[in-house]
Structures are given as structure tokens and as C-alpha cells.
N, C-alpha and C. Protein backbone atom coordinates (compact mmCIF):
# COMPACT_ATOMS: atom_id res chain seq x y z
N MET A 1 -51.49 0.06 9.81
CA MET A 1 -52.30 0.49 8.69
C MET A 1 -51.43 1.09 7.60
N GLN A 2 -50.30 1.66 7.93
CA GLN A 2 -49.43 2.29 6.93
C GLN A 2 -48.88 1.27 5.94
N LYS A 3 -48.50 0.09 6.41
CA LYS A 3 -47.97 -0.94 5.52
C LYS A 3 -49.03 -1.39 4.53
N ARG A 4 -50.26 -1.45 4.98
CA ARG A 4 -51.35 -1.85 4.09
C ARG A 4 -51.55 -0.81 2.99
N HIS A 5 -51.47 0.46 3.34
CA HIS A 5 -51.60 1.53 2.34
C HIS A 5 -50.44 1.48 1.34
N SER A 6 -49.27 1.19 1.81
CA SER A 6 -48.11 1.10 0.92
C SER A 6 -48.25 -0.07 -0.04
N ALA A 7 -48.77 -1.18 0.45
CA ALA A 7 -48.96 -2.35 -0.42
C ALA A 7 -50.03 -2.07 -1.47
N ILE A 8 -51.09 -1.42 -1.08
CA ILE A 8 -52.15 -1.09 -2.04
C ILE A 8 -51.63 -0.10 -3.08
N THR A 9 -50.86 0.87 -2.65
CA THR A 9 -50.28 1.84 -3.58
C THR A 9 -49.36 1.14 -4.57
N LEU A 10 -48.57 0.22 -4.12
CA LEU A 10 -47.66 -0.51 -4.99
C LEU A 10 -48.45 -1.35 -6.01
N VAL A 11 -49.48 -2.02 -5.56
CA VAL A 11 -50.31 -2.83 -6.47
C VAL A 11 -50.95 -1.94 -7.53
N VAL A 12 -51.46 -0.80 -7.15
CA VAL A 12 -52.11 0.11 -8.10
C VAL A 12 -51.08 0.62 -9.11
N LEU A 13 -49.89 0.97 -8.66
CA LEU A 13 -48.85 1.45 -9.57
C LEU A 13 -48.43 0.37 -10.57
N VAL A 14 -48.28 -0.85 -10.11
CA VAL A 14 -47.91 -1.96 -11.00
C VAL A 14 -49.02 -2.21 -12.01
N LEU A 15 -50.25 -2.17 -11.56
CA LEU A 15 -51.39 -2.37 -12.46
C LEU A 15 -51.46 -1.27 -13.52
N CYS A 16 -51.29 -0.04 -13.12
CA CYS A 16 -51.29 1.08 -14.08
C CYS A 16 -50.14 0.94 -15.08
N GLY A 17 -48.97 0.56 -14.61
CA GLY A 17 -47.84 0.36 -15.51
C GLY A 17 -48.09 -0.76 -16.50
N ALA A 18 -48.69 -1.84 -16.05
CA ALA A 18 -48.99 -2.97 -16.95
C ALA A 18 -50.01 -2.56 -18.01
N ILE A 19 -51.01 -1.80 -17.62
CA ILE A 19 -52.01 -1.33 -18.58
C ILE A 19 -51.37 -0.40 -19.60
N LEU A 20 -50.49 0.47 -19.16
CA LEU A 20 -49.80 1.39 -20.06
C LEU A 20 -48.95 0.63 -21.07
N VAL A 21 -48.21 -0.36 -20.62
CA VAL A 21 -47.38 -1.17 -21.52
C VAL A 21 -48.25 -1.93 -22.51
N LEU A 22 -49.34 -2.51 -22.04
CA LEU A 22 -50.23 -3.27 -22.91
C LEU A 22 -50.79 -2.40 -24.02
N PHE A 23 -51.31 -1.23 -23.67
CA PHE A 23 -51.90 -0.36 -24.68
C PHE A 23 -50.84 0.23 -25.60
N THR A 24 -49.64 0.49 -25.11
CA THR A 24 -48.58 1.01 -25.96
C THR A 24 -48.18 -0.03 -26.99
N ASP A 25 -48.02 -1.29 -26.58
CA ASP A 25 -47.68 -2.35 -27.52
C ASP A 25 -48.79 -2.54 -28.55
N PHE A 26 -50.03 -2.49 -28.11
CA PHE A 26 -51.16 -2.64 -29.01
C PHE A 26 -51.20 -1.49 -30.01
N GLU A 27 -50.97 -0.28 -29.52
CA GLU A 27 -51.01 0.89 -30.40
C GLU A 27 -49.90 0.82 -31.45
N LEU A 28 -48.71 0.40 -31.06
CA LEU A 28 -47.61 0.29 -32.02
C LEU A 28 -47.91 -0.76 -33.08
N SER A 29 -48.54 -1.84 -32.70
CA SER A 29 -48.91 -2.88 -33.67
C SER A 29 -49.93 -2.35 -34.67
N VAL A 30 -50.90 -1.61 -34.18
CA VAL A 30 -51.92 -1.06 -35.07
C VAL A 30 -51.31 -0.03 -36.01
N VAL A 31 -50.47 0.84 -35.49
CA VAL A 31 -49.83 1.85 -36.33
C VAL A 31 -48.97 1.19 -37.39
N ARG A 32 -48.22 0.17 -37.03
CA ARG A 32 -47.38 -0.52 -38.00
C ARG A 32 -48.23 -1.21 -39.07
N TRP A 33 -49.34 -1.81 -38.66
CA TRP A 33 -50.22 -2.48 -39.63
C TRP A 33 -50.82 -1.46 -40.59
N VAL A 34 -51.25 -0.30 -40.09
CA VAL A 34 -51.85 0.72 -40.95
C VAL A 34 -50.80 1.28 -41.91
N ASN A 35 -49.59 1.54 -41.41
CA ASN A 35 -48.54 2.12 -42.25
C ASN A 35 -47.98 1.14 -43.26
N CYS A 36 -47.95 -0.14 -42.95
CA CYS A 36 -47.32 -1.13 -43.81
C CYS A 36 -48.33 -2.12 -44.39
N GLY A 37 -49.60 -1.92 -44.13
CA GLY A 37 -50.62 -2.87 -44.52
C GLY A 37 -51.08 -2.73 -45.96
N PRO A 38 -52.24 -3.28 -46.23
CA PRO A 38 -52.73 -3.36 -47.60
C PRO A 38 -53.04 -2.00 -48.24
N TRP A 39 -53.31 -0.97 -47.46
CA TRP A 39 -53.65 0.32 -48.04
C TRP A 39 -52.46 1.26 -48.13
N SER A 40 -51.29 0.81 -47.78
CA SER A 40 -50.12 1.67 -47.84
C SER A 40 -49.52 1.65 -49.24
N GLY A 41 -48.81 2.70 -49.55
CA GLY A 41 -48.17 2.80 -50.86
C GLY A 41 -46.83 2.10 -50.87
N PRO A 42 -46.23 1.99 -52.04
CA PRO A 42 -44.93 1.31 -52.15
C PRO A 42 -43.83 2.00 -51.35
N ALA A 43 -43.85 3.32 -51.28
CA ALA A 43 -42.81 4.04 -50.53
C ALA A 43 -42.89 3.71 -49.04
N GLU A 44 -44.10 3.62 -48.51
CA GLU A 44 -44.25 3.30 -47.09
C GLU A 44 -43.80 1.87 -46.81
N ARG A 45 -44.09 0.96 -47.73
CA ARG A 45 -43.69 -0.44 -47.53
C ARG A 45 -42.18 -0.61 -47.55
N ARG A 46 -41.47 0.27 -48.25
CA ARG A 46 -40.01 0.20 -48.31
C ARG A 46 -39.34 0.96 -47.17
N SER A 47 -40.13 1.63 -46.35
CA SER A 47 -39.55 2.43 -45.28
C SER A 47 -38.88 1.52 -44.24
N GLU A 48 -38.06 2.12 -43.42
CA GLU A 48 -37.31 1.37 -42.41
C GLU A 48 -38.23 0.74 -41.37
N ILE A 49 -39.33 1.38 -41.07
CA ILE A 49 -40.25 0.86 -40.07
C ILE A 49 -40.87 -0.46 -40.54
N CYS A 50 -41.16 -0.56 -41.84
CA CYS A 50 -41.83 -1.77 -42.37
C CYS A 50 -40.88 -2.92 -42.63
N ARG A 51 -39.61 -2.70 -42.59
CA ARG A 51 -38.66 -3.80 -42.86
C ARG A 51 -38.52 -4.73 -41.72
């Protein structure tokens, strides 16, 4: 039974890590779009992040 618990724990950890990476990438894309998008000013568009 211990090996089964270890396998389930590993699967849960991998799943949580994948969700964290997915949402972090999504959040960075949204932040970049807001900062460099149509409502940003000229200074923000010239910033290093938007290049």
C-alpha cells in the first residue's frame, strides 16, 4: 500500500506543478499585453519588457 500512496503523491505533485506553470505563463502573457497593448503609453511601449 505504501508504493501506491507514493505514486499518488507524485501524480498530485506533478499535476499541481503543471497547473502552477500554466497559470504563471498565462498571467505573464496578460500582464505583458496590458502593459504593452493598445491602452499603454509611448513610454511603456519603449520599455525593455515590450521589446
